[in-house]
Amino acid sequence: EGCLSFDGFQGVVTRSADITATYEDRAGQKHTREFSGWQA
C-alpha cells in the first residue's frame, strides 16, 4: 500500500479481505455495505 500523506513509500499491510462498512452520505442517510478484496 501507499499513502498520499506518506509520499514516496509503499509497505506491505495485511488486512481483512471481507468487511462490512457502515457510513452516512452527505445527506445524512445511513448505509451498510459489504466490500471484498481491493475495495475492502
PDB file of all heavy atoms in Angstrom:
ATOM      1  N   GLU A   1       0.853  -1.190   0.000  1.00  0.00           N
ATOM      2  CA  GLU A   1       0.000   0.000   0.000  1.00  0.00           C
ATOM      3  C   GLU A   1       0.884   1.232   0.000  1.00  0.00           C
ATOM      4  O   GLU A   1       2.013   1.188   0.496  1.00  0.00           O
ATOM      5  CB  GLU A   1      -0.878   0.069   1.263  1.00  0.00           C
ATOM      6  CG  GLU A   1      -1.997  -0.903   1.327  1.00  0.00           C
ATOM      7  CD  GLU A   1      -2.869  -0.686   2.566  1.00  0.00           C
ATOM      8  OE1 GLU A   1      -2.883   0.454   3.117  1.00  0.00           O
ATOM      9  OE2 GLU A   1      -3.522  -1.640   2.989  1.00  0.00           O
ATOM     10  N   GLY A   2       0.337   2.310  -0.526  1.00  0.00           N
ATOM     11  CA  GLY A   2       0.972   3.608  -0.404  1.00  0.00           C
ATOM     12  C   GLY A   2      -0.001   4.573   0.242  1.00  0.00           C
ATOM     13  O   GLY A   2      -1.155   4.220   0.510  1.00  0.00           O
ATOM     14  N   CYS A   3       0.449   5.783   0.500  1.00  0.00           N
ATOM     15  CA  CYS A   3      -0.415   6.793   1.105  1.00  0.00           C
ATOM     16  C   CYS A   3       0.010   8.161   0.603  1.00  0.00           C
ATOM     17  O   CYS A   3       1.211   8.481   0.586  1.00  0.00           O
ATOM     18  CB  CYS A   3      -0.314   6.736   2.625  1.00  0.00           C
ATOM     19  SG  CYS A   3      -1.348   7.963   3.466  1.00  0.00           S
ATOM     20  N   LEU A   4      -0.965   8.965   0.221  1.00  0.00           N
ATOM     21  CA  LEU A   4      -0.676  10.304  -0.277  1.00  0.00           C
ATOM     22  C   LEU A   4      -0.077  11.200   0.800  1.00  0.00           C
ATOM     23  O   LEU A   4       0.539  12.215   0.491  1.00  0.00           O
ATOM     24  CB  LEU A   4      -1.952  10.938  -0.842  1.00  0.00           C
ATOM     25  CG  LEU A   4      -2.610  10.175  -2.003  1.00  0.00           C
ATOM     26  CD1 LEU A   4      -3.895  10.871  -2.422  1.00  0.00           C
ATOM     27  CD2 LEU A   4      -1.655  10.049  -3.180  1.00  0.00           C
ATOM     28  N   SER A   5      -0.228  10.794   2.066  1.00  0.00           N
ATOM     29  CA  SER A   5       0.341  11.575   3.173  1.00  0.00           C
ATOM     30  C   SER A   5       1.661  10.989   3.684  1.00  0.00           C
ATOM     31  O   SER A   5       2.205  11.468   4.692  1.00  0.00           O
ATOM     32  CB  SER A   5      -0.660  11.674   4.330  1.00  0.00           C
ATOM     33  OG  SER A   5      -1.750  12.495   3.968  1.00  0.00           O
ATOM     34  N   PHE A   6       2.157   9.974   3.013  1.00  0.00           N
ATOM     35  CA  PHE A   6       3.499   9.430   3.280  1.00  0.00           C
ATOM     36  C   PHE A   6       4.122   9.215   1.918  1.00  0.00           C
ATOM     37  O   PHE A   6       4.399   8.105   1.500  1.00  0.00           O
ATOM     38  CB  PHE A   6       3.402   8.144   4.093  1.00  0.00           C
ATOM     39  CG  PHE A   6       4.732   7.609   4.570  1.00  0.00           C
ATOM     40  CD1 PHE A   6       5.733   8.460   5.006  1.00  0.00           C
ATOM     41  CD2 PHE A   6       4.964   6.249   4.597  1.00  0.00           C
ATOM     42  CE1 PHE A   6       6.951   7.966   5.446  1.00  0.00           C
ATOM     43  CE2 PHE A   6       6.173   5.735   5.052  1.00  0.00           C
ATOM     44  CZ  PHE A   6       7.171   6.592   5.472  1.00  0.00           C
ATOM     45  N   ASP A   7       4.294  10.328   1.239  1.00  0.00           N
ATOM     46  CA  ASP A   7       4.633  10.321  -0.176  1.00  0.00           C
ATOM     47  C   ASP A   7       5.988   9.669  -0.418  1.00  0.00           C
ATOM     48  O   ASP A   7       6.951   9.925   0.297  1.00  0.00           O
ATOM     49  CB  ASP A   7       4.651  11.764  -0.694  1.00  0.00           C
ATOM     50  CG  ASP A   7       4.627  11.842  -2.202  1.00  0.00           C
ATOM     51  OD1 ASP A   7       4.038  10.955  -2.839  1.00  0.00           O
ATOM     52  OD2 ASP A   7       5.205  12.799  -2.747  1.00  0.00           O
ATOM     53  N   GLY A   8       6.018   8.793  -1.446  1.00  0.00           N
ATOM     54  CA  GLY A   8       7.287   8.231  -1.872  1.00  0.00           C
ATOM     55  C   GLY A   8       7.601   6.854  -1.338  1.00  0.00           C
ATOM     56  O   GLY A   8       8.661   6.300  -1.649  1.00  0.00           O
ATOM     57  N   PHE A   9       6.704   6.262  -0.540  1.00  0.00           N
ATOM     58  CA  PHE A   9       6.961   4.947   0.037  1.00  0.00           C
ATOM     59  C   PHE A   9       5.750   4.027  -0.109  1.00  0.00           C
ATOM     60  O   PHE A   9       4.614   4.481  -0.246  1.00  0.00           O
ATOM     61  CB  PHE A   9       7.318   5.066   1.524  1.00  0.00           C
ATOM     62  CG  PHE A   9       8.679   5.641   1.777  1.00  0.00           C
ATOM     63  CD1 PHE A   9       8.849   7.014   1.865  1.00  0.00           C
ATOM     64  CD2 PHE A   9       9.784   4.828   1.896  1.00  0.00           C
ATOM     65  CE1 PHE A   9      10.094   7.564   2.073  1.00  0.00           C
ATOM     66  CE2 PHE A   9      11.046   5.375   2.109  1.00  0.00           C
ATOM     67  CZ  PHE A   9      11.200   6.747   2.196  1.00  0.00           C
ATOM     68  N   GLN A  10       6.022   2.728  -0.080  1.00  0.00           N
ATOM     69  CA  GLN A  10       4.982   1.707  -0.014  1.00  0.00           C
ATOM     70  C   GLN A  10       5.416   0.638   0.975  1.00  0.00           C
ATOM     71  O   GLN A  10       6.614   0.424   1.190  1.00  0.00           O
ATOM     72  CB  GLN A  10       4.718   1.081  -1.391  1.00  0.00           C
ATOM     73  CG  GLN A  10       4.136   2.029  -2.407  1.00  0.00           C
ATOM     74  CD  GLN A  10       3.723   1.335  -3.692  1.00  0.00           C
ATOM     75  OE1 GLN A  10       3.530   0.120  -3.723  1.00  0.00           O
ATOM     76  NE2 GLN A  10       3.587   2.106  -4.753  1.00  0.00           N
ATOM     77  N   GLY A  11       4.435  -0.033   1.571  1.00  0.00           N
ATOM     78  CA  GLY A  11       4.738  -1.101   2.510  1.00  0.00           C
ATOM     79  C   GLY A  11       3.638  -2.139   2.510  1.00  0.00           C
ATOM     80  O   GLY A  11       2.496  -1.848   2.141  1.00  0.00           O
ATOM     81  N   VAL A  12       3.971  -3.356   2.916  1.00  0.00           N
ATOM     82  CA  VAL A  12       3.001  -4.452   2.944  1.00  0.00           C
ATOM     83  C   VAL A  12       2.136  -4.354   4.196  1.00  0.00           C
ATOM     84  O   VAL A  12       2.648  -4.274   5.313  1.00  0.00           O
ATOM     85  CB  VAL A  12       3.707  -5.820   2.894  1.00  0.00           C
ATOM     86  CG1 VAL A  12       2.696  -6.952   3.089  1.00  0.00           C
ATOM     87  CG2 VAL A  12       4.442  -5.985   1.564  1.00  0.00           C
ATOM     88  N   VAL A  13       0.833  -4.375   3.977  1.00  0.00           N
ATOM     89  CA  VAL A  13      -0.143  -4.355   5.078  1.00  0.00           C
ATOM     90  C   VAL A  13      -1.067  -5.551   4.903  1.00  0.00           C
ATOM     91  O   VAL A  13      -1.597  -5.780   3.816  1.00  0.00           O
ATOM     92  CB  VAL A  13      -0.978  -3.061   5.080  1.00  0.00           C
ATOM     93  CG1 VAL A  13      -1.954  -3.060   6.261  1.00  0.00           C
ATOM     94  CG2 VAL A  13      -0.081  -1.836   5.137  1.00  0.00           C
ATOM     95  N   THR A  14      -1.257  -6.304   5.977  1.00  0.00           N
ATOM     96  CA  THR A  14      -2.223  -7.408   5.975  1.00  0.00           C
ATOM     97  C   THR A  14      -3.543  -6.887   6.525  1.00  0.00           C
ATOM     98  O   THR A  14      -3.585  -6.324   7.628  1.00  0.00           O
ATOM     99  CB  THR A  14      -1.716  -8.579   6.826  1.00  0.00           C
ATOM    100  OG1 THR A  14      -0.495  -9.062   6.250  1.00  0.00           O
ATOM    101  CG2 THR A  14      -2.738  -9.705   6.846  1.00  0.00           C
ATOM    102  N   ARG A  15      -4.589  -7.061   5.723  1.00  0.00           N
ATOM    103  CA  ARG A  15      -5.912  -6.567   6.119  1.00  0.00           C
ATOM    104  C   ARG A  15      -6.968  -7.641   5.896  1.00  0.00           C
ATOM    105  O   ARG A  15      -6.764  -8.595   5.147  1.00  0.00           O
ATOM    106  CB  ARG A  15      -6.280  -5.327   5.300  1.00  0.00           C
ATOM    107  CG  ARG A  15      -5.408  -4.107   5.541  1.00  0.00           C
ATOM    108  CD  ARG A  15      -6.015  -2.894   4.873  1.00  0.00           C
ATOM    109  NE  ARG A  15      -5.212  -1.687   4.973  1.00  0.00           N
ATOM    110  CZ  ARG A  15      -5.263  -0.818   5.976  1.00  0.00           C
ATOM    111  NH1 ARG A  15      -6.081  -1.041   6.993  1.00  0.00           N
ATOM    112  NH2 ARG A  15      -4.509   0.265   5.972  1.00  0.00           N
ATOM    113  N   SER A  16      -8.112  -7.414   6.526  1.00  0.00           N
ATOM    114  CA  SER A  16      -9.263  -8.286   6.290  1.00  0.00           C
ATOM    115  C   SER A  16      -9.665  -8.188   4.828  1.00  0.00           C
ATOM    116  O   SER A  16      -9.714  -7.096   4.252  1.00  0.00           O
ATOM    117  CB  SER A  16     -10.434  -7.879   7.178  1.00  0.00           C
ATOM    118  OG  SER A  16     -10.110  -8.027   8.541  1.00  0.00           O
ATOM    119  N   ALA A  17      -9.965  -9.344   4.234  1.00  0.00           N
ATOM    120  CA  ALA A  17     -10.333  -9.378   2.818  1.00  0.00           C
ATOM    121  C   ALA A  17     -11.825  -9.179   2.596  1.00  0.00           C
ATOM    122  O   ALA A  17     -12.246  -8.894   1.473  1.00  0.00           O
ATOM    123  CB  ALA A  17      -9.889 -10.698   2.190  1.00  0.00           C
ATOM    124  N   ASP A  18     -12.615  -9.326   3.655  1.00  0.00           N
ATOM    125  CA  ASP A  18     -14.066  -9.167   3.543  1.00  0.00           C
ATOM    126  C   ASP A  18     -14.548  -8.363   4.747  1.00  0.00           C
ATOM    127  O   ASP A  18     -14.328  -8.772   5.896  1.00  0.00           O
ATOM    128  CB  ASP A  18     -14.773 -10.528   3.528  1.00  0.00           C
ATOM    129  CG  ASP A  18     -14.239 -11.447   2.438  1.00  0.00           C
ATOM    130  OD1 ASP A  18     -14.498 -11.163   1.261  1.00  0.00           O
ATOM    131  OD2 ASP A  18     -13.547 -12.433   2.785  1.00  0.00           O
ATOM    132  N   ILE A  19     -15.212  -7.254   4.487  1.00  0.00           N
ATOM    133  CA  ILE A  19     -15.680  -6.406   5.583  1.00  0.00           C
ATOM    134  C   ILE A  19     -17.112  -5.947   5.315  1.00  0.00           C
ATOM    135  O   ILE A  19     -17.606  -5.975   4.189  1.00  0.00           O
ATOM    136  CB  ILE A  19     -14.792  -5.161   5.769  1.00  0.00           C
ATOM    137  CG1 ILE A  19     -14.879  -4.239   4.537  1.00  0.00           C
ATOM    138  CG2 ILE A  19     -13.354  -5.552   6.066  1.00  0.00           C
ATOM    139  CD1 ILE A  19     -14.280  -2.867   4.749  1.00  0.00           C
ATOM    140  N   THR A  20     -17.749  -5.507   6.381  1.00  0.00           N
ATOM    141  CA  THR A  20     -18.977  -4.739   6.250  1.00  0.00           C
ATOM    142  C   THR A  20     -18.684  -3.340   6.780  1.00  0.00           C
ATOM    143  O   THR A  20     -18.002  -3.182   7.791  1.00  0.00           O
ATOM    144  CB  THR A  20     -20.150  -5.388   7.023  1.00  0.00           C
ATOM    145  OG1 THR A  20     -21.341  -4.626   6.804  1.00  0.00           O
ATOM    146  CG2 THR A  20     -19.879  -5.463   8.506  1.00  0.00           C
ATOM    147  N   ALA A  21     -19.143  -2.344   6.058  1.00  0.00           N
ATOM    148  CA  ALA A  21     -18.902  -0.951   6.449  1.00  0.00           C
ATOM    149  C   ALA A  21     -20.226  -0.252   6.671  1.00  0.00           C
ATOM    150  O   ALA A  21     -21.203  -0.462   5.939  1.00  0.00           O
ATOM    151  CB  ALA A  21     -18.100  -0.231   5.373  1.00  0.00           C
ATOM    152  N   THR A  22     -20.263   0.568   7.696  1.00  0.00           N
ATOM    153  CA  THR A  22     -21.411   1.445   7.924  1.00  0.00           C
ATOM    154  C   THR A  22     -20.924   2.875   7.747  1.00  0.00           C
ATOM    155  O   THR A  22     -19.811   3.213   8.163  1.00  0.00           O
ATOM    156  CB  THR A  22     -21.990   1.264   9.334  1.00  0.00           C
ATOM    157  OG1 THR A  22     -20.961   1.500  10.304  1.00  0.00           O
ATOM    158  CG2 THR A  22     -22.530  -0.148   9.510  1.00  0.00           C
ATOM    159  N   TYR A  23     -21.739   3.692   7.128  1.00  0.00           N
ATOM    160  CA  TYR A  23     -21.356   5.089   6.898  1.00  0.00           C
ATOM    161  C   TYR A  23     -22.603   5.883   6.544  1.00  0.00           C
ATOM    162  O   TYR A  23     -23.683   5.319   6.309  1.00  0.00           O
ATOM    163  CB  TYR A  23     -20.331   5.195   5.767  1.00  0.00           C
ATOM    164  CG  TYR A  23     -20.790   4.626   4.438  1.00  0.00           C
ATOM    165  CD1 TYR A  23     -21.423   5.423   3.489  1.00  0.00           C
ATOM    166  CD2 TYR A  23     -20.602   3.277   4.135  1.00  0.00           C
ATOM    167  CE1 TYR A  23     -21.853   4.903   2.279  1.00  0.00           C
ATOM    168  CE2 TYR A  23     -21.027   2.747   2.932  1.00  0.00           C
ATOM    169  CZ  TYR A  23     -21.649   3.556   2.009  1.00  0.00           C
ATOM    170  OH  TYR A  23     -22.082   3.030   0.813  1.00  0.00           O
ATOM    171  N   GLU A  24     -22.448   7.181   6.510  1.00  0.00           N
ATOM    172  CA  GLU A  24     -23.516   8.075   6.094  1.00  0.00           C
ATOM    173  C   GLU A  24     -23.111   8.761   4.803  1.00  0.00           C
ATOM    174  O   GLU A  24     -21.910   8.881   4.501  1.00  0.00           O
ATOM    175  CB  GLU A  24     -23.791   9.120   7.178  1.00  0.00           C
ATOM    176  CG  GLU A  24     -24.261   8.515   8.497  1.00  0.00           C
ATOM    177  CD  GLU A  24     -24.238   9.529   9.632  1.00  0.00           C
ATOM    178  OE1 GLU A  24     -24.201  10.746   9.347  1.00  0.00           O
ATOM    179  OE2 GLU A  24     -24.229   9.110  10.803  1.00  0.00           O
ATOM    180  N   ASP A  25     -24.096   9.216   4.026  1.00  0.00           N
ATOM    181  CA  ASP A  25     -23.796  10.015   2.849  1.00  0.00           C
ATOM    182  C   ASP A  25     -23.891  11.497   3.212  1.00  0.00           C
ATOM    183  O   ASP A  25     -24.134  11.855   4.363  1.00  0.00           O
ATOM    184  CB  ASP A  25     -24.705   9.652   1.674  1.00  0.00           C
ATOM    185  CG  ASP A  25     -26.193   9.843   1.975  1.00  0.00           C
ATOM    186  OD1 ASP A  25     -26.534  10.703   2.822  1.00  0.00           O
ATOM    187  OD2 ASP A  25     -27.023   9.137   1.363  1.00  0.00           O
ATOM    188  N   ARG A  26     -23.706  12.365   2.230  1.00  0.00           N
ATOM    189  CA  ARG A  26     -23.679  13.801   2.529  1.00  0.00           C
ATOM    190  C   ARG A  26     -25.018  14.322   3.036  1.00  0.00           C
ATOM    191  O   ARG A  26     -25.069  15.369   3.690  1.00  0.00           O
ATOM    192  CB  ARG A  26     -23.225  14.597   1.309  1.00  0.00           C
ATOM    193  CG  ARG A  26     -24.187  14.567   0.138  1.00  0.00           C
ATOM    194  CD  ARG A  26     -23.811  15.593  -0.922  1.00  0.00           C
ATOM    195  NE  ARG A  26     -22.623  15.230  -1.684  1.00  0.00           N
ATOM    196  CZ  ARG A  26     -22.095  16.021  -2.612  1.00  0.00           C
ATOM    197  NH1 ARG A  26     -22.628  17.219  -2.868  1.00  0.00           N
ATOM    198  NH2 ARG A  26     -21.024  15.640  -3.293  1.00  0.00           N
ATOM    199  N   ALA A  27     -26.092  13.586   2.753  1.00  0.00           N
ATOM    200  CA  ALA A  27     -27.412  13.991   3.232  1.00  0.00           C
ATOM    201  C   ALA A  27     -27.724  13.436   4.617  1.00  0.00           C
ATOM    202  O   ALA A  27     -28.789  13.708   5.174  1.00  0.00           O
ATOM    203  CB  ALA A  27     -28.482  13.548   2.239  1.00  0.00           C
ATOM    204  N   GLY A  28     -26.799  12.638   5.169  1.00  0.00           N
ATOM    205  CA  GLY A  28     -27.014  12.075   6.493  1.00  0.00           C
ATOM    206  C   GLY A  28     -27.711  10.739   6.499  1.00  0.00           C
ATOM    207  O   GLY A  28     -28.020  10.202   7.563  1.00  0.00           O
ATOM    208  N   GLN A  29     -27.965  10.181   5.308  1.00  0.00           N
ATOM    209  CA  GLN A  29     -28.598   8.868   5.229  1.00  0.00           C
ATOM    210  C   GLN A  29     -27.591   7.777   5.592  1.00  0.00           C
ATOM    211  O   GLN A  29     -26.444   7.800   5.140  1.00  0.00           O
ATOM    212  CB  GLN A  29     -29.141   8.619   3.820  1.00  0.00           C
ATOM    213  CG  GLN A  29     -30.259   9.570   3.421  1.00  0.00           C
ATOM    214  CD  GLN A  29     -31.495   9.402   4.295  1.00  0.00           C
ATOM    215  OE1 GLN A  29     -31.983   8.297   4.499  1.00  0.00           O
ATOM    216  NE2 GLN A  29     -31.991  10.521   4.809  1.00  0.00           N
ATOM    217  N   LYS A  30     -28.014   6.815   6.395  1.00  0.00           N
ATOM    218  CA  LYS A  30     -27.130   5.743   6.835  1.00  0.00           C
ATOM    219  C   LYS A  30     -27.116   4.600   5.812  1.00  0.00           C
ATOM    220  O   LYS A  30     -28.145   4.274   5.224  1.00  0.00           O
ATOM    221  CB  LYS A  30     -27.578   5.212   8.203  1.00  0.00           C
ATOM    222  CG  LYS A  30     -27.502   6.258   9.308  1.00  0.00           C
ATOM    223  CD  LYS A  30     -27.880   5.660  10.653  1.00  0.00           C
ATOM    224  CE  LYS A  30     -27.886   6.717  11.758  1.00  0.00           C
ATOM    225  NZ  LYS A  30     -26.555   7.282  11.987  1.00  0.00           N
ATOM    226  N   HIS A  31     -25.936   3.993   5.637  1.00  0.00           N
ATOM    227  CA  HIS A  31     -25.765   2.893   4.696  1.00  0.00           C
ATOM    228  C   HIS A  31     -24.948   1.787   5.349  1.00  0.00           C
ATOM    229  O   HIS A  31     -24.079   2.050   6.182  1.00  0.00           O
ATOM    230  CB  HIS A  31     -25.029   3.359   3.429  1.00  0.00           C
ATOM    231  CG  HIS A  31     -25.724   4.444   2.681  1.00  0.00           C
ATOM    232  ND1 HIS A  31     -26.573   4.194   1.623  1.00  0.00           N
ATOM    233  CD2 HIS A  31     -25.702   5.798   2.839  1.00  0.00           C
ATOM    234  CE1 HIS A  31     -27.032   5.345   1.150  1.00  0.00           C
ATOM    235  NE2 HIS A  31     -26.526   6.328   1.882  1.00  0.00           N
ATOM    236  N   THR A  32     -25.226   0.568   4.937  1.00  0.00           N
ATOM    237  CA  THR A  32     -24.402  -0.585   5.294  1.00  0.00           C
ATOM    238  C   THR A  32     -24.089  -1.322   3.998  1.00  0.00           C
ATOM    239  O   THR A  32     -24.990  -1.600   3.203  1.00  0.00           O
ATOM    240  CB  THR A  32     -25.124  -1.534   6.266  1.00  0.00           C
ATOM    241  OG1 THR A  32     -25.443  -0.820   7.467  1.00  0.00           O
ATOM    242  CG2 THR A  32     -24.244  -2.723   6.616  1.00  0.00           C
ATOM    243  N   ARG A  33     -22.817  -1.603   3.787  1.00  0.00           N
ATOM    244  CA  ARG A  33     -22.403  -2.217   2.515  1.00  0.00           C
ATOM    245  C   ARG A  33     -21.222  -3.140   2.753  1.00  0.00           C
ATOM    246  O   ARG A  33     -20.361  -2.850   3.586  1.00  0.00           O
ATOM    247  CB  ARG A  33     -22.029  -1.111   1.520  1.00  0.00           C
ATOM    248  CG  ARG A  33     -21.547  -1.576   0.160  1.00  0.00           C
ATOM    249  CD  ARG A  33     -21.363  -0.375  -0.755  1.00  0.00           C
ATOM    250  NE  ARG A  33     -20.634  -0.722  -1.966  1.00  0.00           N
ATOM    251  CZ  ARG A  33     -20.278   0.151  -2.906  1.00  0.00           C
ATOM    252  NH1 ARG A  33     -20.613   1.429  -2.766  1.00  0.00           N
ATOM    253  NH2 ARG A  33     -19.599  -0.238  -3.977  1.00  0.00           N
ATOM    254  N   GLU A  34     -21.217  -4.258   2.045  1.00  0.00           N
ATOM    255  CA  GLU A  34     -20.099  -5.183   2.148  1.00  0.00           C
ATOM    256  C   GLU A  34     -19.083  -4.906   1.042  1.00  0.00           C
ATOM    257  O   GLU A  34     -19.455  -4.573  -0.088  1.00  0.00           O
ATOM    258  CB  GLU A  34     -20.596  -6.636   2.066  1.00  0.00           C
ATOM    259  CG  GLU A  34     -21.443  -7.035   3.265  1.00  0.00           C
ATOM    260  CD  GLU A  34     -21.874  -8.495   3.235  1.00  0.00           C
ATOM    261  OE1 GLU A  34     -21.481  -9.216   2.264  1.00  0.00           O
ATOM    262  OE2 GLU A  34     -22.586  -8.925   4.155  1.00  0.00           O
ATOM    263  N   PHE A  35     -17.802  -5.050   1.391  1.00  0.00           N
ATOM    264  CA  PHE A  35     -16.709  -4.859   0.448  1.00  0.00           C
ATOM    265  C   PHE A  35     -15.752  -6.039   0.568  1.00  0.00           C
ATOM    266  O   PHE A  35     -15.533  -6.553   1.665  1.00  0.00           O
ATOM    267  CB  PHE A  35     -15.934  -3.573   0.742  1.00  0.00           C
ATOM    268  CG  PHE A  35     -16.737  -2.310   0.606  1.00  0.00           C
ATOM    269  CD1 PHE A  35     -17.445  -1.798   1.696  1.00  0.00           C
ATOM    270  CD2 PHE A  35     -16.774  -1.626  -0.595  1.00  0.00           C
ATOM    271  CE1 PHE A  35     -18.166  -0.624   1.580  1.00  0.00           C
ATOM    272  CE2 PHE A  35     -17.511  -0.447  -0.723  1.00  0.00           C
ATOM    273  CZ  PHE A  35     -18.207   0.055   0.366  1.00  0.00           C
ATOM    274  N   SER A  36     -15.168  -6.426  -0.555  1.00  0.00           N
ATOM    275  CA  SER A  36     -14.194  -7.512  -0.553  1.00  0.00           C
ATOM    276  C   SER A  36     -12.984  -7.112  -1.382  1.00  0.00           C
ATOM    277  O   SER A  36     -13.042  -6.183  -2.197  1.00  0.00           O
ATOM    278  CB  SER A  36     -14.804  -8.803  -1.125  1.00  0.00           C
ATOM    279  OG  SER A  36     -15.814  -9.298  -0.275  1.00  0.00           O
ATOM    280  N   GLY A  37     -11.880  -7.833  -1.171  1.00  0.00           N
ATOM    281  CA  GLY A  37     -10.696  -7.628  -1.983  1.00  0.00           C
ATOM    282  C   GLY A  37     -10.132  -6.230  -1.859  1.00  0.00           C
ATOM    283  O   GLY A  37     -10.037  -5.658  -0.771  1.00  0.00           O
ATOM    284  N   TRP A  38      -9.757  -5.658  -3.009  1.00  0.00           N
ATOM    285  CA  TRP A  38      -9.099  -4.354  -3.007  1.00  0.00           C
ATOM    286  C   TRP A  38     -10.031  -3.250  -2.534  1.00  0.00           C
ATOM    287  O   TRP A  38      -9.587  -2.301  -1.887  1.00  0.00           O
ATOM    288  CB  TRP A  38      -8.576  -4.052  -4.406  1.00  0.00           C
ATOM    289  CG  TRP A  38      -7.415  -3.101  -4.392  1.00  0.00           C
ATOM    290  CD1 TRP A  38      -7.417  -1.791  -4.782  1.00  0.00           C
ATOM    291  CD2 TRP A  38      -6.082  -3.375  -3.954  1.00  0.00           C
ATOM    292  NE1 TRP A  38      -6.170  -1.249  -4.610  1.00  0.00           N
ATOM    293  CE2 TRP A  38      -5.328  -2.186  -4.109  1.00  0.00           C
ATOM    294  CE3 TRP A  38      -5.453  -4.526  -3.442  1.00  0.00           C
ATOM    295  CZ2 TRP A  38      -3.975  -2.117  -3.775  1.00  0.00           C
ATOM    296  CZ3 TRP A  38      -4.114  -4.449  -3.110  1.00  0.00           C
ATOM    297  CH2 TRP A  38      -3.398  -3.249  -3.273  1.00  0.00           C
ATOM    298  N   GLN A  39     -11.310  -3.359  -2.829  1.00  0.00           N
ATOM    299  CA  GLN A  39     -12.261  -2.357  -2.342  1.00  0.00           C
ATOM    300  C   GLN A  39     -12.266  -2.326  -0.820  1.00  0.00           C
ATOM    301  O   GLN A  39     -12.300  -1.249  -0.206  1.00  0.00           O
ATOM    302  CB  GLN A  39     -13.666  -2.648  -2.865  1.00  0.00           C
ATOM    303  CG  GLN A  39     -13.831  -2.444  -4.361  1.00  0.00           C
ATOM    304  CD  GLN A  39     -15.270  -2.611  -4.805  1.00  0.00           C
ATOM    305  OE1 GLN A  39     -16.152  -2.936  -4.003  1.00  0.00           O
ATOM    306  NE2 GLN A  39     -15.527  -2.389  -6.080  1.00  0.00           N
ATOM    307  N   ALA A  40     -12.225  -3.511  -0.194  1.00  0.00           N
ATOM    308  CA  ALA A  40     -12.190  -3.575   1.272  1.00  0.00           C
ATOM    309  C   ALA A  40     -10.930  -2.912   1.810  1.00  0.00           C
ATOM    310  O   ALA A  40     -10.963  -2.218   2.840  1.00  0.00           O
ATOM    311  CB  ALA A  40     -12.263  -5.030   1.733  1.00  0.00           C
TER     312      ALA A  40
END
